[in-house]
Structures are given as C-alpha cells and as structure tokens.
Amino acid sequence: MLLIARLHDHVSTPVLGYIRMLAILAILATAPLPAIGVQLPDLGDSSEGVMSPRAERQLGAQTMQKVRASGAYFNDPEVNAYLNRLGQRLVAADAQISGKFEFFAVPSSEINAFALPGGYIGVNTGLILTTESESELASVLAHEITHVSQHHIARLMASQSGSNLTSLAVLAATILAAGSGNGQAASAAIAGLSAVQQQQQIDFTREHELEADRLGFRLLSQAGFDVHAISVFFEHLQRQSRTQETGTPAYLLTHPLTTERIAEAQDRVGNLPYRQIQDNLDFHLVRALLRSYEGEPEIAVARFNAELKEGRHLNRNAARYGYAAALVRNKEYPEALKQVAALELDGLHHPMFESLAAIALQESGMLEAALKRYRTALANYPDHLQLIYDYPRTLILDSKYKEAASFAEAQLTQRRNDASLHQLAAEANAALGKKLKLHYHQGEFHAAQGNSGAAAEQFDLAFRANDGSFQELLIVEIRQREIRQGMGVPGRPNNGKKAPPQQSLRLGKISPDKAQTGFNH
C-alpha cells in the first residue's frame, strides 16, 4: 500500500525511459557543455565497443537517482516488493544471468515497461493492470531482463557514432513521447530522422526485440510460467491499439509489435501442451490494490462492491481485499476492518491484510490498537516493508519518539540506503531534540534521493550540531567526504574542521569501517 500520506493523492506521472540518459550521452559526445548536474561514469575504452558491467551499473544507478527525484518512482512498498519477488524468480532461473536487478513500478496509466543500464527495470502500473495472469506480467519482465543481460543498451550506444548520435537524440524524444502516451509527438520526432537513419535504427531495434522475445521465452519457461502468456499479452496489446482513442499504446511505440514478432511467438509455443499455472495470490492482491487507487474513492468503493455482487473478478479474495482498501481510502474505517476480519475468519492470512488493518486503526485514531497490531504482524512478517515503515510512523503519531528512532535506526543497519527509514529517523530525532542525528538522517535521505548538494548541506549542519558523540561525528565526516568526492568538490569538508582524534576514553579506537555502519541506540 502507498505510504498513508499519499494514499489519497495518486497521481499519474510520465515514464522516464533509459533513452533520456542516452540522449544526454549523445549531446555530451557532440559538443562541450558546462556542468549539467549529472556526473557520467567513465565508459571505458571505445575500442571495447560496449560499456563494462561496472560502468553500466554506475550509469543505471545515476539514472535511478533522477527517476526517484523526479517523482517517476511509485513509492508503494508492497507493489515494488512484489515486482522484485517476481523478477528475482526469473533471474534465478538462468545461472548465466549475472549482476544485480531491481524492479520498480512507475505511476503511469500507460501500458509500458523499460530497462535501464545495470539491471534497473521499470513497469508502469497501467501495464500491471492490463495483464490478467501472473505469467503475462512475468513475460514482460523476462523480456526486459533479457535487454539487460544481453547488454542491448550498451550495444545501442556503441552503434551510435558521428552523425548517428543525432538520430540517438531524436530517438530519445520519440521514446519519451511514447512513454507519456503522446503518439502525435512520437510521430513528429520520428519524422526528424532521415530515411536512412530511420531504417538503421529500426533494424537495430528489431534485432534487440527479436532477441529479447526469444531468450525471454526460454527464461519464462525455465522459471515455470505459462509460455502461452506471451502471445496472450500480445493479443491484449492489439486489442488496446484498436480500442484506445488516444492512439497506439506506449508499449507498442517502444517495443514495436511487428507481424514477425507475433508469428515467432506463436511458432515457439507450437504444439506445446497447455499447462495450468496457478497465479500467486500476491499478483491479484497487488492488482486489486492498484485498482483501489483509481478514480474518486467513493467510485472505487462502488465499483468493487458491484463486482463482488455480480461475480465480475479474476480472484474473489483479492477483490474483497481491494474493496477493503478502497474503503480505507474513502475513510470508511469500521467497514474496512470488518472486511479484513471476514477474510481472516475464512482462514486467509497475508501481510497486506495486516498492514491495511493497522492503517485503518491508525487513521481511526486508535493508536494503541494499531501499534499492537503492528507488533504482532512484524513478529510474523519481519521483512514486510509496509509494516516496517508504518510502525515507526504510528509511534511518532503517538509521541513515542525514542521508540520510533530506535526501531528505524535498528532497521537501517540492514537497509542502510533506505530513504524512507532515514526520513522517519530524522523526524523522530527532531522531536527528541537530537540535532546531529536529525541532520545526519536528513542528509542520508537526500543522498538516497540523488540530491548530493542538499545531502552535503545537512551533513555540514550535523557536524556543527555539537550534541553528538565522537563516533557519530566520525560517521558524519566520512559520509560528507564521500558525498563531496562524488560531486567533484575538492578539499576537506566542514571548512577544514576535523573530527576529534580517533581515540576516546569512552569509545576506544573506532575504524572507519565500523563508523560507516550508521547510528544505533
């Protein structure tokens, strides 16, 4: 579920595709520019033809920071956690796939998905809602995973040189327009390419798409999903393109669905026997949660209520959960709690039920009951991020600031770069009057969001707070130095001030490695 502050304000945001970063690279390659606020990694010797895996990961991480800062990252722990479980199942099915992968949702109703360098894969919420089975969604992720594992992005960049860099920049405009659903703008951008440039780009993209289809099919099969789902998803896209008034679905603009692709997908399935693959309940719960965010709250409630009465749903229990989520959004908390209790009476237990019920109790003002529910749920589901975020938030609402700070900082020993936990720790420490910790966690929050300037400013304030221990000062100094070095700022931070000598009668010697583990009570 969305963090409660965003539960009532779900806004669609245009897609940020990896081509935007490629356009920046194209511009940098053709003309010298002043500092543009994005430090690109060393792409290595051009004779290598492609980027090294390390350079790809750096480029992807930098792009992701911009994605998060722009609002194109769907800040819903339950949706993103599900996408990662599904994606990691696919990655684990092929021992030849190496490197880290991170899957995340993008708040856009457009039907699209994209891969960034280094294993970052974005999926529009609109695409999740279009799929009708987990295998369909898995087929899209398998396709995007292949784009990464086969280094298609690096190969595309390597293919662009000289005048072709101009076509790369135009291609960027095309895909960005497609991602936002603006088919007319996409067509206009394509018109900016010469006929030769268009054909070169089409040939290169077709090669990648066919390869991703072929290897994605194999990956889908290895992971135990229904391979027929690929052609079924293609049928959904074709149906959308015929009925959608605003033009071609974005997925078809960025992943051209040619007759050749459709024919090959059908040939691969051939005479393979149909296997009934049971969908994971999580797939249906996530779809129901996303549907509960659509439209006005009272309309969402009425829609789920009607579907349950008429039996119009893919999974009845998920529809019951979606109905409860819509009730919470419409501030009908007693009825929402009644619906969750009915699910549990039927022997159904799930961490998403727990977090929804706890939020309903919290929003009802029943903070003690909510905290009790959170503690029990965390004992059963200690890694469920929605519970991990909402428990300290409720502690803060109940003025239990020390307990909130202790919990958030304990979680940060396992999730050092978690922006939400740093923000909660900052809020709790602010209420406790602990200035160093307040500014340190604010700095880490900004660092995780990709705002290095704001992070350095907060670390400087933390260093000058004068209410921290030697170890805490050392942590701040090390982190500020890392941030400034990443920004390319020379010299010692904090105007030349140094942390106290690394010896304390109370703490003894502390190594930098230990200092970097973060604060804990």
Protein backbone atom coordinates (compact mmCIF):
# COMPACT_ATOMS: atom_id res chain seq x y z
CA MET A 1 0.00 0.00 0.00
CA LEU A 2 1.13 3.55 -0.61
CA LEU A 3 2.55 5.38 2.36
CA ILE A 4 -0.53 6.76 4.07
CA ALA A 5 0.37 10.37 3.23
CA ARG A 6 -0.01 9.51 -0.46
CA LEU A 7 -2.97 7.16 -0.17
CA HIS A 8 -5.50 9.85 -1.07
CA ASP A 9 -3.48 11.54 -3.81
CA HIS A 10 -2.48 9.03 -6.50
CA VAL A 11 -1.20 11.00 -9.50
CA SER A 12 -0.07 9.61 -12.85
CA THR A 13 3.45 10.61 -13.94
CA PRO A 14 5.01 10.28 -17.42
CA VAL A 15 7.51 7.47 -17.90
CA LEU A 16 11.23 8.21 -17.70
CA GLY A 17 12.90 5.75 -20.05
CA TYR A 18 16.57 4.89 -20.23
CA ILE A 19 16.75 6.65 -23.60
CA ARG A 20 16.76 10.00 -21.79
CA MET A 21 20.20 9.20 -20.42
CA LEU A 22 21.32 8.03 -23.84
CA ALA A 23 20.28 11.40 -25.24
CA ILE A 24 22.46 13.13 -22.64
CA LEU A 25 25.36 10.95 -23.71
CA ALA A 26 24.71 11.84 -27.35
CA ILE A 27 24.75 15.55 -26.56
CA LEU A 28 27.92 15.23 -24.49
CA ALA A 29 29.61 13.39 -27.32
CA THR A 30 28.88 16.09 -29.90
CA ALA A 31 29.54 19.35 -28.01
CA PRO A 32 31.28 20.54 -24.84
CA LEU A 33 28.84 21.65 -22.18
CA PRO A 34 29.08 23.36 -18.81
CA ALA A 35 28.33 21.27 -15.74
CA ILE A 36 24.86 19.81 -16.16
CA GLY A 37 24.43 18.29 -12.70
CA VAL A 38 24.89 14.69 -13.86
CA GLN A 39 28.30 13.08 -13.49
CA LEU A 40 28.57 10.28 -16.01
CA PRO A 41 30.85 7.33 -15.30
CA ASP A 42 33.88 6.50 -17.38
CA LEU A 43 32.52 4.36 -20.20
CA GLY A 44 35.91 2.77 -20.83
CA ASP A 45 37.92 2.46 -23.98
CA SER A 46 35.75 2.99 -27.06
CA SER A 47 37.53 0.13 -28.74
CA GLU A 48 35.76 -2.22 -26.33
CA GLY A 49 32.58 -1.47 -28.24
CA VAL A 50 30.36 -1.63 -25.16
CA MET A 51 30.39 -0.39 -21.58
CA SER A 52 31.86 -2.52 -18.84
CA PRO A 53 29.32 -4.06 -16.41
CA ARG A 54 30.58 -1.70 -13.71
CA ALA A 55 30.04 1.34 -15.94
CA GLU A 56 26.55 0.12 -16.86
CA ARG A 57 25.66 -0.24 -13.18
CA GLN A 58 27.01 3.26 -12.41
CA LEU A 59 25.02 4.76 -15.24
CA GLY A 60 21.87 2.94 -14.16
CA ALA A 61 22.28 3.99 -10.52
CA GLN A 62 22.72 7.64 -11.51
CA THR A 63 19.65 7.45 -13.75
CA MET A 64 17.62 5.87 -10.94
CA GLN A 65 18.51 8.73 -8.64
CA LYS A 66 17.00 11.10 -11.18
CA VAL A 67 13.95 8.86 -11.57
CA ARG A 68 13.34 8.92 -7.81
CA ALA A 69 13.92 12.67 -7.55
CA SER A 70 11.53 13.36 -10.45
CA GLY A 71 8.58 11.56 -8.91
CA ALA A 72 8.55 8.82 -11.55
CA TYR A 73 9.14 6.15 -8.88
CA PHE A 74 5.93 4.68 -7.45
CA ASN A 75 6.51 4.90 -3.71
CA ASP A 76 4.48 1.84 -2.77
CA PRO A 77 6.50 -0.77 -0.84
CA GLU A 78 4.01 -3.58 -1.41
CA VAL A 79 3.82 -3.14 -5.18
CA ASN A 80 7.58 -2.80 -5.58
CA ALA A 81 8.32 -5.73 -3.26
CA TYR A 82 6.04 -7.96 -5.34
CA LEU A 83 7.70 -6.90 -8.61
CA ASN A 84 11.09 -7.72 -7.10
CA ARG A 85 9.98 -11.16 -5.91
CA LEU A 86 8.61 -11.95 -9.36
CA GLY A 87 11.64 -10.54 -11.17
CA GLN A 88 14.17 -12.30 -8.95
CA ARG A 89 12.38 -15.62 -9.55
CA LEU A 90 13.02 -15.14 -13.27
CA VAL A 91 16.64 -14.07 -12.80
CA ALA A 92 17.35 -17.08 -10.58
CA ALA A 93 16.04 -19.45 -13.25
CA ASP A 94 19.07 -18.85 -15.51
CA ALA A 95 22.52 -19.37 -13.99
CA GLN A 96 24.09 -17.42 -16.87
CA ILE A 97 22.39 -14.17 -15.86
CA SER A 98 24.71 -12.21 -13.59
CA GLY A 99 24.59 -8.89 -11.79
CA LYS A 100 22.02 -7.24 -9.57
CA PHE A 101 18.49 -6.44 -10.67
CA GLU A 102 15.99 -4.01 -9.16
CA PHE A 103 12.37 -3.87 -10.29
CA PHE A 104 10.11 -0.90 -9.58
CA ALA A 105 6.72 0.49 -10.54
CA VAL A 106 6.12 3.78 -12.36
CA PRO A 107 2.89 5.70 -11.59
CA SER A 108 1.51 5.90 -15.12
CA SER A 109 -1.66 4.52 -16.65
CA GLU A 110 0.22 3.95 -19.92
CA ILE A 111 0.93 0.32 -20.86
CA ASN A 112 4.72 0.23 -20.88
CA ALA A 113 7.88 -1.19 -19.31
CA PHE A 114 11.56 -0.35 -19.79
CA ALA A 115 15.07 -1.41 -18.83
CA LEU A 116 17.80 0.91 -17.60
CA PRO A 117 21.52 0.11 -17.71
CA GLY A 118 22.76 -2.03 -14.85
CA GLY A 119 19.65 -4.08 -14.12
CA TYR A 120 17.03 -1.47 -13.20
CA ILE A 121 13.65 -2.38 -14.71
CA GLY A 122 10.59 -0.15 -14.53
CA VAL A 123 6.99 -1.29 -15.05
CA ASN A 124 4.09 1.10 -15.43
CA THR A 125 1.15 0.49 -13.12
CA GLY A 126 -1.03 0.59 -16.24
CA LEU A 127 0.76 -2.45 -17.62
CA ILE A 128 0.31 -4.39 -14.38
CA LEU A 129 -3.43 -3.70 -14.53
CA THR A 130 -3.61 -4.76 -18.20
CA THR A 131 -2.18 -8.22 -17.51
CA GLU A 132 -4.71 -10.86 -16.46
CA SER A 133 -2.32 -13.52 -15.19
CA GLU A 134 0.99 -13.61 -13.38
CA SER A 135 2.57 -15.37 -16.35
CA GLU A 136 1.65 -12.42 -18.61
CA LEU A 137 3.37 -9.99 -16.26
CA ALA A 138 6.32 -12.36 -15.93
CA SER A 139 6.64 -12.49 -19.72
CA VAL A 140 7.14 -8.71 -19.83
CA LEU A 141 9.75 -8.84 -17.06
CA ALA A 142 11.55 -11.72 -18.81
CA HIS A 143 11.71 -9.61 -21.97
CA GLU A 144 13.17 -6.62 -20.11
CA ILE A 145 15.62 -8.81 -18.16
CA THR A 146 16.95 -10.04 -21.50
CA HIS A 147 17.50 -6.47 -22.68
CA VAL A 148 19.79 -6.09 -19.65
CA SER A 149 21.51 -9.48 -19.73
CA GLN A 150 22.30 -9.10 -23.45
CA HIS A 151 23.60 -5.53 -22.94
CA HIS A 152 21.26 -4.11 -25.57
CA ILE A 153 21.56 -0.60 -24.16
CA ALA A 154 25.36 -0.65 -24.32
CA ARG A 155 25.24 -2.17 -27.81
CA LEU A 156 22.83 0.54 -28.95
CA MET A 157 25.18 3.22 -27.63
CA ALA A 158 28.16 1.56 -29.25
CA SER A 159 26.35 1.56 -32.59
CA GLN A 160 25.90 5.32 -32.49
CA SER A 161 28.81 7.39 -33.72
CA GLY A 162 29.26 10.60 -35.68
CA SER A 163 26.02 11.62 -37.38
CA ASN A 164 24.23 8.67 -35.82
CA LEU A 165 24.41 10.43 -32.45
CA THR A 166 21.88 12.90 -33.82
CA SER A 167 19.49 10.04 -34.54
CA LEU A 168 20.01 8.78 -30.99
CA ALA A 169 18.90 12.13 -29.59
CA VAL A 170 15.84 12.10 -31.86
CA LEU A 171 15.12 8.53 -30.80
CA ALA A 172 15.18 9.75 -27.19
CA ALA A 173 12.47 12.27 -27.96
CA THR A 174 10.47 9.54 -29.68
CA ILE A 175 10.54 7.13 -26.77
CA LEU A 176 9.92 9.81 -24.15
CA ALA A 177 6.87 10.96 -26.11
CA ALA A 178 5.72 7.36 -26.40
CA GLY A 179 6.22 6.82 -22.68
CA SER A 180 3.91 9.72 -21.89
CA GLY A 181 1.30 8.41 -24.32
CA ASN A 182 1.78 11.25 -26.80
CA GLY A 183 1.61 9.35 -30.08
CA GLN A 184 1.49 12.50 -32.21
CA ALA A 185 4.68 13.85 -30.66
CA ALA A 186 6.34 10.49 -31.18
CA SER A 187 5.42 10.51 -34.86
CA ALA A 188 6.76 14.04 -35.23
CA ALA A 189 10.05 13.03 -33.62
CA ILE A 190 10.41 10.09 -35.97
CA ALA A 191 9.87 12.43 -38.91
CA GLY A 192 13.04 14.27 -37.83
CA LEU A 193 15.18 11.33 -38.89
CA SER A 194 16.33 10.81 -42.45
CA ALA A 195 15.08 7.70 -44.22
CA VAL A 196 18.49 6.05 -43.87
CA GLN A 197 18.73 6.89 -40.17
CA GLN A 198 15.21 5.58 -39.60
CA GLN A 199 15.99 2.28 -41.28
CA GLN A 200 19.27 1.87 -39.38
CA GLN A 201 17.52 2.46 -36.07
CA ILE A 202 14.57 0.21 -36.96
CA ASP A 203 16.91 -2.62 -37.95
CA PHE A 204 18.88 -2.31 -34.71
CA THR A 205 15.74 -2.14 -32.54
CA ARG A 206 14.13 -5.08 -34.38
CA GLU A 207 17.23 -7.18 -33.71
CA HIS A 208 17.03 -6.42 -29.99
CA GLU A 209 13.30 -7.05 -29.76
CA LEU A 210 13.50 -10.40 -31.50
CA GLU A 211 16.42 -11.48 -29.33
CA ALA A 212 14.59 -10.38 -26.17
CA ASP A 213 11.50 -12.29 -27.31
CA ARG A 214 13.47 -15.47 -28.00
CA LEU A 215 15.55 -15.50 -24.81
CA GLY A 216 12.66 -14.16 -22.73
CA PHE A 217 10.54 -17.13 -23.85
CA ARG A 218 13.24 -19.52 -22.66
CA LEU A 219 13.57 -17.68 -19.34
CA LEU A 220 9.81 -17.74 -18.80
CA SER A 221 9.76 -21.49 -19.36
CA GLN A 222 12.76 -22.13 -17.10
CA ALA A 223 11.07 -20.22 -14.27
CA GLY A 224 7.95 -22.38 -14.52
CA PHE A 225 5.50 -19.88 -16.02
CA ASP A 226 2.97 -20.41 -18.81
CA VAL A 227 4.77 -19.64 -22.10
CA HIS A 228 1.42 -19.17 -23.87
CA ALA A 229 1.09 -15.95 -21.85
CA ILE A 230 3.39 -14.10 -24.28
CA SER A 231 1.01 -14.38 -27.23
CA VAL A 232 -1.95 -13.69 -24.93
CA PHE A 233 -0.33 -10.43 -23.81
CA PHE A 234 0.32 -9.51 -27.46
CA GLU A 235 -3.39 -10.03 -28.10
CA HIS A 236 -4.20 -7.64 -25.24
CA LEU A 237 -1.95 -5.02 -26.83
CA GLN A 238 -3.53 -5.43 -30.24
CA ARG A 239 -6.99 -5.10 -28.71
CA GLN A 240 -5.87 -1.95 -26.87
CA SER A 241 -4.48 -0.43 -30.08
CA ARG A 242 -7.85 -0.96 -31.79
CA THR A 243 -9.96 0.49 -28.97
CA GLN A 244 -7.71 3.18 -27.47
CA GLU A 245 -8.89 6.62 -28.62
CA THR A 246 -5.65 8.41 -27.71
CA GLY A 247 -3.53 6.38 -30.15
CA THR A 248 -1.15 3.45 -30.02
CA PRO A 249 -0.28 2.08 -26.54
CA ALA A 250 3.13 3.27 -25.38
CA TYR A 251 4.44 -0.29 -25.19
CA LEU A 252 3.91 -0.69 -28.94
CA LEU A 253 5.80 2.53 -29.67
CA THR A 254 8.82 1.50 -27.60
CA HIS A 255 8.52 -2.25 -28.37
CA PRO A 256 7.24 -2.42 -31.97
CA LEU A 257 4.84 -5.36 -32.31
CA THR A 258 5.57 -6.50 -35.86
CA THR A 259 3.92 -9.36 -37.72
CA GLU A 260 7.27 -11.14 -37.46
CA ARG A 261 7.28 -10.91 -33.66
CA ILE A 262 3.72 -12.21 -33.38
CA ALA A 263 4.40 -15.08 -35.78
CA GLU A 264 7.59 -16.10 -33.97
CA ALA A 265 5.80 -16.02 -30.59
CA GLN A 266 3.12 -18.35 -31.96
CA ASP A 267 5.69 -20.65 -33.56
CA ARG A 268 7.64 -21.01 -30.30
CA VAL A 269 4.56 -22.23 -28.50
CA GLY A 270 3.77 -24.54 -31.43
CA ASN A 271 2.24 -27.74 -30.20
CA LEU A 272 3.42 -27.38 -26.64
CA PRO A 273 0.76 -28.71 -24.27
CA TYR A 274 -1.11 -26.16 -22.20
CA ARG A 275 -0.19 -26.23 -18.51
CA GLN A 276 -2.45 -24.74 -15.89
CA ILE A 277 -0.18 -22.43 -13.87
CA GLN A 278 -1.67 -21.22 -10.61
CA ASP A 279 -1.25 -17.48 -10.07
CA ASN A 280 0.34 -16.35 -6.82
CA LEU A 281 -2.25 -14.59 -4.65
CA ASP A 282 0.17 -11.65 -4.40
CA PHE A 283 -0.37 -10.90 -8.12
CA HIS A 284 -4.10 -10.48 -7.63
CA LEU A 285 -3.70 -8.53 -4.37
CA VAL A 286 -1.32 -6.04 -5.99
CA ARG A 287 -3.69 -5.55 -8.94
CA ALA A 288 -6.59 -5.04 -6.52
CA LEU A 289 -4.57 -2.52 -4.53
CA LEU A 290 -3.70 -0.56 -7.68
CA ARG A 291 -7.35 -0.60 -8.76
CA SER A 292 -8.38 0.77 -5.36
CA TYR A 293 -6.34 3.90 -6.18
CA GLU A 294 -8.20 4.59 -9.41
CA GLY A 295 -10.75 7.40 -9.61
CA GLU A 296 -12.58 9.04 -6.75
CA PRO A 297 -12.65 7.00 -3.52
CA GLU A 298 -16.42 6.58 -3.41
CA ILE A 299 -16.44 5.42 -7.05
CA ALA A 300 -13.74 2.83 -6.28
CA VAL A 301 -15.83 1.53 -3.37
CA ALA A 302 -18.93 1.26 -5.52
CA ARG A 303 -17.01 -0.47 -8.33
CA PHE A 304 -15.58 -3.19 -6.06
CA ASN A 305 -18.93 -3.66 -4.32
CA ALA A 306 -20.69 -4.17 -7.66
CA GLU A 307 -18.03 -6.58 -8.93
CA LEU A 308 -18.31 -8.70 -5.81
CA LYS A 309 -22.09 -8.86 -6.03
CA GLU A 310 -22.04 -9.73 -9.73
CA GLY A 311 -19.02 -12.07 -9.60
CA ARG A 312 -17.01 -9.96 -12.09
CA HIS A 313 -13.45 -10.54 -10.86
CA LEU A 314 -10.36 -12.63 -11.54
CA ASN A 315 -9.95 -13.59 -7.87
CA ARG A 316 -12.71 -13.12 -5.31
CA ASN A 317 -10.47 -12.85 -2.24
CA ALA A 318 -8.32 -10.23 -3.95
CA ALA A 319 -11.47 -8.31 -4.87
CA ARG A 320 -12.55 -8.43 -1.21
CA TYR A 321 -9.15 -7.01 -0.24
CA GLY A 322 -9.43 -4.31 -2.92
CA TYR A 323 -12.85 -3.40 -1.57
CA ALA A 324 -11.37 -3.01 1.94
CA ALA A 325 -8.51 -0.87 0.55
CA ALA A 326 -11.00 1.36 -1.27
CA LEU A 327 -13.00 1.71 1.97
CA VAL A 328 -9.86 2.88 3.80
CA ARG A 329 -9.22 5.40 1.03
CA ASN A 330 -12.84 6.60 1.44
CA LYS A 331 -12.31 6.88 5.22
CA GLU A 332 -14.87 4.16 6.00
CA TYR A 333 -12.57 2.57 8.56
CA PRO A 334 -15.00 0.41 10.59
CA GLU A 335 -16.34 -1.25 7.45
CA ALA A 336 -12.78 -1.76 6.13
CA LEU A 337 -11.80 -3.50 9.38
CA LYS A 338 -14.93 -5.64 9.12
CA GLN A 339 -13.93 -6.76 5.61
CA VAL A 340 -10.38 -7.67 6.70
CA ALA A 341 -11.73 -9.58 9.70
CA ALA A 342 -14.03 -11.54 7.37
CA LEU A 343 -11.04 -12.56 5.22
CA GLU A 344 -9.20 -13.75 8.31
CA LEU A 345 -12.24 -15.66 9.58
CA ASP A 346 -12.12 -17.55 6.29
CA GLY A 347 -8.60 -18.68 7.18
CA LEU A 348 -6.81 -16.20 4.90
CA HIS A 349 -3.72 -14.52 6.33
CA HIS A 350 -1.38 -12.17 4.49
CA PRO A 351 0.92 -9.26 5.46
CA MET A 352 -1.01 -6.96 3.12
CA PHE A 353 -4.14 -7.64 5.17
CA GLU A 354 -2.22 -6.81 8.34
CA SER A 355 -0.87 -3.51 7.05
CA LEU A 356 -4.29 -2.46 5.74
CA ALA A 357 -5.98 -3.22 9.05
CA ALA A 358 -3.29 -1.39 11.02
CA ILE A 359 -3.63 1.68 8.77
CA ALA A 360 -7.40 1.65 9.28
CA LEU A 361 -6.88 1.56 13.06
CA GLN A 362 -4.29 4.33 12.88
CA GLU A 363 -6.48 6.57 10.73
CA SER A 364 -9.38 5.93 13.12
CA GLY A 365 -7.27 7.39 15.93
CA MET A 366 -6.96 4.02 17.68
CA LEU A 367 -3.20 4.28 18.01
CA GLU A 368 -2.68 1.73 20.77
CA ALA A 369 -4.70 -0.86 18.90
CA ALA A 370 -2.75 -0.05 15.72
CA LEU A 371 0.60 -0.41 17.49
CA LYS A 372 -0.45 -3.73 18.98
CA ARG A 373 -1.43 -4.95 15.52
CA TYR A 374 1.88 -3.76 14.06
CA ARG A 375 3.94 -5.55 16.73
CA THR A 376 2.11 -8.83 16.17
CA ALA A 377 2.33 -8.51 12.40
CA LEU A 378 6.06 -7.69 12.47
CA ALA A 379 6.70 -10.77 14.57
CA ASN A 380 5.07 -12.86 11.81
CA TYR A 381 6.30 -10.84 8.81
CA PRO A 382 9.54 -9.11 9.88
CA ASP A 383 10.63 -8.21 6.32
CA HIS A 384 7.37 -6.67 5.07
CA LEU A 385 8.40 -3.10 4.25
CA GLN A 386 4.95 -1.54 4.55
CA LEU A 387 4.82 -2.69 8.20
CA ILE A 388 8.43 -1.58 8.76
CA TYR A 389 7.62 1.94 7.55
CA ASP A 390 4.20 2.38 9.12
CA TYR A 391 5.08 1.12 12.61
CA PRO A 392 7.55 3.93 13.49
CA ARG A 393 5.25 6.43 11.77
CA THR A 394 2.48 5.39 14.15
CA LEU A 395 4.88 5.56 17.11
CA ILE A 396 5.64 9.17 16.14
CA LEU A 397 1.92 9.97 15.95
CA ASP A 398 1.60 8.54 19.47
CA SER A 399 4.57 10.69 20.67
CA LYS A 400 6.73 7.61 21.28
CA TYR A 401 9.72 9.28 19.66
CA LYS A 402 12.53 7.35 21.34
CA GLU A 403 10.98 4.00 20.42
CA ALA A 404 10.42 5.21 16.84
CA ALA A 405 14.03 6.38 16.49
CA SER A 406 15.39 3.12 17.94
CA PHE A 407 13.28 0.99 15.61
CA ALA A 408 14.12 3.00 12.48
CA GLU A 409 17.85 3.04 13.25
CA ALA A 410 17.89 -0.68 14.01
CA GLN A 411 16.26 -1.34 10.63
CA LEU A 412 18.85 0.90 8.95
CA THR A 413 21.64 -1.47 10.00
CA GLN A 414 20.13 -3.85 7.41
CA ARG A 415 18.84 -1.25 4.95
CA ARG A 416 21.47 1.48 5.02
CA ASN A 417 20.29 3.38 1.94
CA ASP A 418 16.55 3.28 2.65
CA ALA A 419 15.34 6.86 2.18
CA SER A 420 12.00 6.31 3.95
CA LEU A 421 13.65 4.93 7.10
CA HIS A 422 16.13 7.82 7.19
CA GLN A 423 13.25 10.28 6.90
CA LEU A 424 11.41 8.60 9.79
CA ALA A 425 14.60 8.55 11.90
CA ALA A 426 15.10 12.25 11.19
CA GLU A 427 11.55 13.08 12.26
CA ALA A 428 11.83 11.07 15.49
CA ASN A 429 15.21 12.58 16.40
CA ALA A 430 13.92 16.09 15.65
CA ALA A 431 11.17 15.54 18.24
CA LEU A 432 13.83 14.30 20.69
CA GLY A 433 15.93 17.44 20.11
CA LYS A 434 18.90 15.45 18.75
CA LYS A 435 20.20 17.86 16.12
CA LEU A 436 23.17 15.84 14.88
CA LYS A 437 21.05 12.76 14.23
CA LEU A 438 18.27 14.86 12.70
CA HIS A 439 20.61 16.43 10.14
CA TYR A 440 22.57 13.20 9.55
CA HIS A 441 19.43 11.26 8.64
CA GLN A 442 18.14 14.17 6.55
CA GLY A 443 21.47 14.09 4.72
CA GLU A 444 21.18 10.35 4.08
CA PHE A 445 17.60 10.85 2.87
CA HIS A 446 18.77 13.42 0.31
CA ALA A 447 21.71 11.22 -0.71
CA ALA A 448 19.37 8.30 -1.38
CA GLN A 449 17.21 10.61 -3.48
CA GLY A 450 20.20 11.69 -5.57
CA ASN A 451 20.36 15.26 -4.21
CA SER A 452 24.04 15.43 -3.28
CA GLY A 453 24.04 19.19 -2.68
CA ALA A 454 21.27 19.02 -0.09
CA ALA A 455 22.95 15.97 1.49
CA ALA A 456 26.26 17.80 1.89
CA GLU A 457 24.47 20.78 3.45
CA GLN A 458 22.71 18.55 6.00
CA PHE A 459 25.94 16.72 6.87
CA ASP A 460 27.61 20.09 7.47
CA LEU A 461 24.77 21.07 9.84
CA ALA A 462 25.11 17.72 11.61
CA PHE A 463 28.86 18.23 12.08
CA ARG A 464 28.26 21.65 13.67
CA ALA A 465 25.39 20.49 15.91
CA ASN A 466 27.69 19.87 18.92
CA ASP A 467 25.43 17.27 20.51
CA GLY A 468 26.91 14.02 19.18
CA SER A 469 29.50 11.51 20.28
CA PHE A 470 32.90 11.02 18.69
CA GLN A 471 31.65 8.01 16.71
CA GLU A 472 28.69 9.97 15.38
CA LEU A 473 30.93 12.86 14.32
CA LEU A 474 33.26 10.46 12.55
CA ILE A 475 30.33 8.90 10.67
CA VAL A 476 29.19 12.34 9.54
CA GLU A 477 32.67 13.38 8.41
CA ILE A 478 33.19 10.17 6.42
CA ARG A 479 29.81 10.46 4.73
CA GLN A 480 30.27 14.11 3.87
CA ARG A 481 33.67 13.39 2.37
CA GLU A 482 32.14 10.63 0.24
CA ILE A 483 29.35 12.92 -0.95
CA ARG A 484 31.73 15.78 -1.79
CA GLN A 485 34.09 13.49 -3.64
CA GLY A 486 31.14 12.22 -5.66
CA MET A 487 30.26 15.83 -6.50
CA GLY A 488 33.85 16.53 -7.52
CA VAL A 489 34.30 19.11 -4.74
CA PRO A 490 37.95 19.25 -3.59
CA GLY A 491 39.23 19.95 -0.10
CA ARG A 492 38.23 18.96 3.41
CA PRO A 493 34.57 19.38 4.32
CA ASN A 494 33.31 21.45 7.26
CA ASN A 495 35.59 24.41 6.43
CA GLY A 496 38.71 22.49 7.31
CA LYS A 497 37.49 21.32 10.73
CA LYS A 498 38.45 17.81 11.70
CA ALA A 499 36.61 15.34 13.84
CA PRO A 500 38.25 14.69 17.22
CA PRO A 501 41.24 12.31 17.19
CA GLN A 502 40.23 8.69 16.69
CA GLN A 503 40.72 7.86 20.37
CA SER A 504 38.20 8.22 23.14
CA LEU A 505 38.32 7.12 26.77
CA ARG A 506 34.67 6.14 26.41
CA LEU A 507 34.73 4.50 22.97
CA GLY A 508 38.32 3.47 22.32
CA LYS A 509 39.59 3.29 18.77
CA ILE A 510 37.00 3.17 16.02
CA SER A 511 37.82 2.10 12.50
CA PRO A 512 36.25 3.90 9.53
CA ASP A 513 34.60 0.62 8.51
CA LYS A 514 32.77 0.43 11.81
CA ALA A 515 31.92 4.11 11.67
CA GLN A 516 30.12 3.64 8.35
CA THR A 517 27.59 1.18 9.75
CA GLY A 518 25.36 4.06 10.88
CA PHE A 519 23.73 5.11 14.12
CA ASN A 520 22.02 2.82 16.57
CA HIS A 521 20.73 3.28 20.09
